[in-house]
Each structure stands twice: as structure tokens, then as C-alpha cells.
Amino acid sequence: MKFKRIFLAISIIMFIVAIGFVIYALNNPQASFPWNNTITYTIYAVYFIVMIVAFILSAVLRKRTN
């Protein structure tokens, strides 16, 4: 029961941070990372996958306890 809340909280916080990052990036187009785009896209993909997995785990654990 405790883990489902933790995973849900993590996924919601990650989603809010991602929205904040997108808003910041749209308002500051001159900002960039010091590495190439492949590394940047890989970081984005890993972040997105972790967020989705945390959300799915919270849903799966919720169904198991009910």
C-alpha cells in the first residue's frame, strides 16, 4: 500500500517537473546543453520511461491490494 503511493507521487512529481521544463525551454530558446542532441534525446527518453513505469507500478500495486 505504501509503495503504490510512493510510485504515484514520483510519477506525478516527474510529470510536473517535465511540464515546468518544457515551459522554461519554450520561453528560453537560446538555452542549450553542452553536448549533442543524441545524448539529450536519450536523457529525455529515459526520464519519460521512468515516469511511465512509476505510474504503471502505482496502478498495478493499487489493483493487487484491492
C-alpha atoms as a PDB file:
ATOM      1  CA  MET A   1       0.000   0.000   0.000  1.00  0.00           C
ATOM      2  CA  LYS A   2       2.795   2.378   0.816  1.00  0.00           C
ATOM      3  CA  PHE A   3       4.688   1.644  -2.402  1.00  0.00           C
ATOM      4  CA  LYS A   4       1.734   2.485  -4.640  1.00  0.00           C
ATOM      5  CA  ARG A   5       1.549   5.971  -3.107  1.00  0.00           C
ATOM      6  CA  ILE A   6       5.305   6.414  -3.459  1.00  0.00           C
ATOM      7  CA  PHE A   7       5.271   5.417  -7.140  1.00  0.00           C
ATOM      8  CA  LEU A   8       2.259   7.610  -7.818  1.00  0.00           C
ATOM      9  CA  ALA A   9       3.885  10.579  -6.079  1.00  0.00           C
ATOM     10  CA  ILE A  10       7.122  10.054  -8.005  1.00  0.00           C
ATOM     11  CA  SER A  11       5.315   9.890 -11.350  1.00  0.00           C
ATOM     12  CA  ILE A  12       3.216  12.984 -10.609  1.00  0.00           C
ATOM     13  CA  ILE A  13       6.256  14.982  -9.471  1.00  0.00           C
ATOM     14  CA  MET A  14       8.211  13.888 -12.547  1.00  0.00           C
ATOM     15  CA  PHE A  15       5.304  14.932 -14.780  1.00  0.00           C
ATOM     16  CA  ILE A  16       5.096  18.366 -13.131  1.00  0.00           C
ATOM     17  CA  VAL A  17       8.867  18.835 -13.470  1.00  0.00           C
ATOM     18  CA  ALA A  18       8.657  17.851 -17.150  1.00  0.00           C
ATOM     19  CA  ILE A  19       5.894  20.407 -17.763  1.00  0.00           C
ATOM     20  CA  GLY A  20       7.959  23.066 -15.978  1.00  0.00           C
ATOM     21  CA  PHE A  21      10.987  22.196 -18.090  1.00  0.00           C
ATOM     22  CA  VAL A  22       9.008  22.453 -21.329  1.00  0.00           C
ATOM     23  CA  ILE A  23       7.606  25.841 -20.297  1.00  0.00           C
ATOM     24  CA  TYR A  24      11.103  27.068 -19.420  1.00  0.00           C
ATOM     25  CA  ALA A  25      12.525  25.718 -22.696  1.00  0.00           C
ATOM     26  CA  LEU A  26       9.822  27.411 -24.765  1.00  0.00           C
ATOM     27  CA  ASN A  27      10.455  30.744 -23.053  1.00  0.00           C
ATOM     28  CA  ASN A  28      14.260  30.484 -23.362  1.00  0.00           C
ATOM     29  CA  PRO A  29      15.105  29.145 -26.832  1.00  0.00           C
ATOM     30  CA  GLN A  30      18.706  30.366 -26.552  1.00  0.00           C
ATOM     31  CA  ALA A  31      19.445  27.936 -23.684  1.00  0.00           C
ATOM     32  CA  SER A  32      21.124  24.678 -24.675  1.00  0.00           C
ATOM     33  CA  PHE A  33      23.052  21.728 -23.310  1.00  0.00           C
ATOM     34  CA  PRO A  34      26.823  21.414 -23.824  1.00  0.00           C
ATOM     35  CA  TRP A  35      26.508  18.012 -25.512  1.00  0.00           C
ATOM     36  CA  ASN A  36      24.985  16.791 -28.770  1.00  0.00           C
ATOM     37  CA  ASN A  37      21.295  16.090 -29.350  1.00  0.00           C
ATOM     38  CA  THR A  38      21.631  12.297 -29.210  1.00  0.00           C
ATOM     39  CA  ILE A  39      22.593  12.442 -25.534  1.00  0.00           C
ATOM     40  CA  THR A  40      19.823  14.949 -24.842  1.00  0.00           C
ATOM     41  CA  TYR A  41      17.174  12.791 -26.520  1.00  0.00           C
ATOM     42  CA  THR A  42      18.446   9.724 -24.650  1.00  0.00           C
ATOM     43  CA  ILE A  43      18.077  11.551 -21.334  1.00  0.00           C
ATOM     44  CA  TYR A  44      14.557  12.629 -22.310  1.00  0.00           C
ATOM     45  CA  ALA A  45      13.619   9.060 -23.263  1.00  0.00           C
ATOM     46  CA  VAL A  46      14.958   7.563 -20.027  1.00  0.00           C
ATOM     47  CA  TYR A  47      13.130  10.223 -17.993  1.00  0.00           C
ATOM     48  CA  PHE A  48       9.876   9.539 -19.838  1.00  0.00           C
ATOM     49  CA  ILE A  49      10.220   5.753 -19.462  1.00  0.00           C
ATOM     50  CA  VAL A  50      10.931   6.007 -15.710  1.00  0.00           C
ATOM     51  CA  MET A  51       7.912   8.298 -15.283  1.00  0.00           C
ATOM     52  CA  ILE A  52       5.612   5.907 -17.169  1.00  0.00           C
ATOM     53  CA  VAL A  53       6.942   2.841 -15.306  1.00  0.00           C
ATOM     54  CA  ALA A  54       6.382   4.545 -11.933  1.00  0.00           C
ATOM     55  CA  PHE A  55       2.821   5.401 -12.944  1.00  0.00           C
ATOM     56  CA  ILE A  56       2.134   1.857 -14.168  1.00  0.00           C
ATOM     57  CA  LEU A  57       3.602   0.356 -10.985  1.00  0.00           C
ATOM     58  CA  SER A  58       1.335   2.527  -8.866  1.00  0.00           C
ATOM     59  CA  ALA A  59      -1.687   1.317 -10.857  1.00  0.00           C
ATOM     60  CA  VAL A  60      -0.620  -2.352 -10.712  1.00  0.00           C
ATOM     61  CA  LEU A  61       0.039  -2.212  -6.980  1.00  0.00           C
ATOM     62  CA  ARG A  62      -3.298  -0.491  -6.445  1.00  0.00           C
ATOM     63  CA  LYS A  63      -5.121  -3.313  -8.248  1.00  0.00           C
ATOM     64  CA  ARG A  64      -3.264  -6.012  -6.309  1.00  0.00           C
ATOM     65  CA  THR A  65      -4.212  -4.578  -2.913  1.00  0.00           C
ATOM     66  CA  ASN A  66      -7.900  -4.227  -3.796  1.00  0.00           C
END
